[in-house]
Amino acid sequence: MKREEIEKAAKKYANENAYIPSDVYAENNMIEMKESFAEAFKDGAEWRINSMWHDAEEQPKNWYETCLVELGTLVSSFFTLSYYHHGGFSCLDEIHNKNIQVIKWAYLKDLTHNVE
């Protein structure tokens, strides 16, 4: 993920969630501002994590790039490393149980690399 994408998302979040405390200085205003910053930090961390994951319907653009894939059944789910090729994830080539489906996936490099 590029730093520009994070900055764009941060500005959008700020525009949608910013507020101006009352003109009168009070300790309550400082408490509200601190709580607001803490909430924004948590929302940003959650956004960063969730932005790396793709729905099962979305196909990776980069063939043969390692992905972390969440697979699941009606009862449970698990993660495996795989790559996408010829219309499917390689891990599914080895699984014969048709009840197992892709739930979501992420490029491994997006989960492990620092922001550019």
Protein backbone atom coordinates (compact mmCIF):
# COMPACT_ATOMS: atom_id res chain seq x y z
CA MET A 1 0.00 0.00 0.00
CA LYS A 2 1.33 3.40 -0.91
CA ARG A 3 1.59 6.27 1.53
CA GLU A 4 -0.59 8.40 -0.80
CA GLU A 5 -3.46 5.92 -0.42
CA ILE A 6 -3.21 6.13 3.37
CA GLU A 7 -3.09 9.95 3.30
CA LYS A 8 -6.13 10.08 1.02
CA ALA A 9 -8.09 7.75 3.31
CA ALA A 10 -7.00 9.77 6.36
CA LYS A 11 -8.23 13.04 4.84
CA LYS A 12 -11.53 11.43 3.89
CA TYR A 13 -11.94 10.09 7.44
CA ALA A 14 -11.10 13.49 8.94
CA ASN A 15 -13.59 15.29 6.70
CA GLU A 16 -16.33 12.85 7.64
CA ASN A 17 -15.61 12.66 11.39
CA ALA A 18 -13.94 15.90 12.53
CA TYR A 19 -15.67 18.27 14.87
CA ILE A 20 -14.70 21.54 16.50
CA PRO A 21 -14.95 21.67 20.28
CA SER A 22 -16.80 24.60 21.83
CA ASP A 23 -15.05 27.97 21.93
CA VAL A 24 -14.82 27.95 25.70
CA TYR A 25 -11.74 26.14 27.00
CA ALA A 26 -12.64 23.45 29.41
CA GLU A 27 -11.08 20.25 30.63
CA ASN A 28 -14.01 18.37 29.10
CA ASN A 29 -13.04 19.63 25.65
CA MET A 30 -9.52 18.22 26.06
CA ILE A 31 -10.93 14.89 27.20
CA GLU A 32 -13.28 14.82 24.20
CA MET A 33 -10.41 15.65 21.83
CA LYS A 34 -8.19 12.91 23.29
CA GLU A 35 -11.03 10.41 22.99
CA SER A 36 -11.59 11.53 19.41
CA PHE A 37 -7.90 11.04 18.54
CA ALA A 38 -7.88 7.60 20.17
CA GLU A 39 -10.98 6.61 18.21
CA ALA A 40 -9.45 7.88 14.97
CA PHE A 41 -6.29 5.88 15.64
CA LYS A 42 -8.28 2.68 16.25
CA ASP A 43 -10.40 3.28 13.15
CA GLY A 44 -7.25 3.86 11.08
CA ALA A 45 -5.63 0.66 12.30
CA GLU A 46 -8.81 -1.30 11.55
CA TRP A 47 -9.06 0.28 8.09
CA ARG A 48 -5.43 -0.65 7.33
CA ILE A 49 -5.99 -4.28 8.29
CA ASN A 50 -9.27 -4.61 6.43
CA SER A 51 -8.05 -2.82 3.29
CA MET A 52 -5.56 -5.62 2.62
CA TRP A 53 -8.23 -8.33 2.41
CA HIS A 54 -10.22 -9.05 -0.76
CA ASP A 55 -13.58 -10.74 -1.14
CA ALA A 56 -13.57 -14.26 -2.54
CA GLU A 57 -15.31 -13.05 -5.72
CA GLU A 58 -12.42 -10.72 -6.57
CA GLN A 59 -9.63 -12.40 -8.51
CA PRO A 60 -5.98 -11.50 -7.88
CA LYS A 61 -4.39 -9.45 -10.65
CA ASN A 62 -0.91 -10.88 -10.08
CA TRP A 63 -0.69 -14.54 -11.03
CA TYR A 64 1.70 -16.74 -9.09
CA GLU A 65 2.11 -14.20 -6.31
CA THR A 66 1.85 -15.70 -2.84
CA CYS A 67 -1.46 -15.08 -1.11
CA LEU A 68 -2.81 -15.85 2.32
CA VAL A 69 -6.19 -17.44 1.74
CA GLU A 70 -8.92 -17.99 4.32
CA LEU A 71 -10.80 -21.16 3.47
CA GLY A 72 -13.87 -22.34 5.23
CA THR A 73 -16.80 -24.65 5.56
CA LEU A 74 -20.11 -24.21 7.33
CA VAL A 75 -18.41 -25.37 10.53
CA SER A 76 -14.93 -23.79 10.59
CA SER A 77 -12.33 -21.78 8.73
CA PHE A 78 -8.55 -21.91 8.35
CA PHE A 79 -5.74 -20.08 6.56
CA THR A 80 -3.29 -21.41 3.98
CA LEU A 81 -0.61 -19.97 1.72
CA SER A 82 -1.38 -20.26 -1.97
CA TYR A 83 -1.05 -18.54 -5.31
CA TYR A 84 -3.60 -17.78 -8.00
CA HIS A 85 -3.33 -19.38 -11.43
CA HIS A 86 -5.62 -20.34 -14.30
CA GLY A 87 -8.79 -19.18 -12.58
CA GLY A 88 -8.21 -20.52 -9.08
CA PHE A 89 -6.00 -20.71 -6.01
CA SER A 90 -3.42 -23.50 -6.02
CA CYS A 91 -4.46 -24.68 -2.56
CA LEU A 92 -7.87 -25.64 -3.95
CA ASP A 93 -6.19 -27.94 -6.48
CA GLU A 94 -5.10 -30.12 -3.58
CA ILE A 95 -8.39 -30.06 -1.67
CA HIS A 96 -10.95 -32.54 -2.90
CA ASN A 97 -13.71 -31.64 -0.47
CA LYS A 98 -16.12 -29.43 -2.45
CA ASN A 99 -17.59 -27.99 0.76
CA ILE A 100 -14.46 -25.89 1.26
CA GLN A 101 -14.65 -22.39 -0.19
CA VAL A 102 -12.51 -19.27 -0.32
CA ILE A 103 -13.78 -16.73 2.20
CA LYS A 104 -11.22 -13.95 1.59
CA TRP A 105 -7.62 -13.51 0.50
CA ALA A 106 -4.70 -11.06 0.69
CA TYR A 107 -1.36 -10.73 -1.04
CA LEU A 108 1.24 -11.89 1.48
CA LYS A 109 3.48 -8.91 0.63
CA ASP A 110 0.65 -6.50 1.57
CA LEU A 111 0.45 -8.09 5.00
CA THR A 112 4.18 -8.15 5.66
CA HIS A 113 5.81 -5.13 3.98
CA ASN A 114 6.05 -1.64 5.31
CA VAL A 115 4.24 1.23 3.65
CA GLU A 116 6.08 2.61 0.62
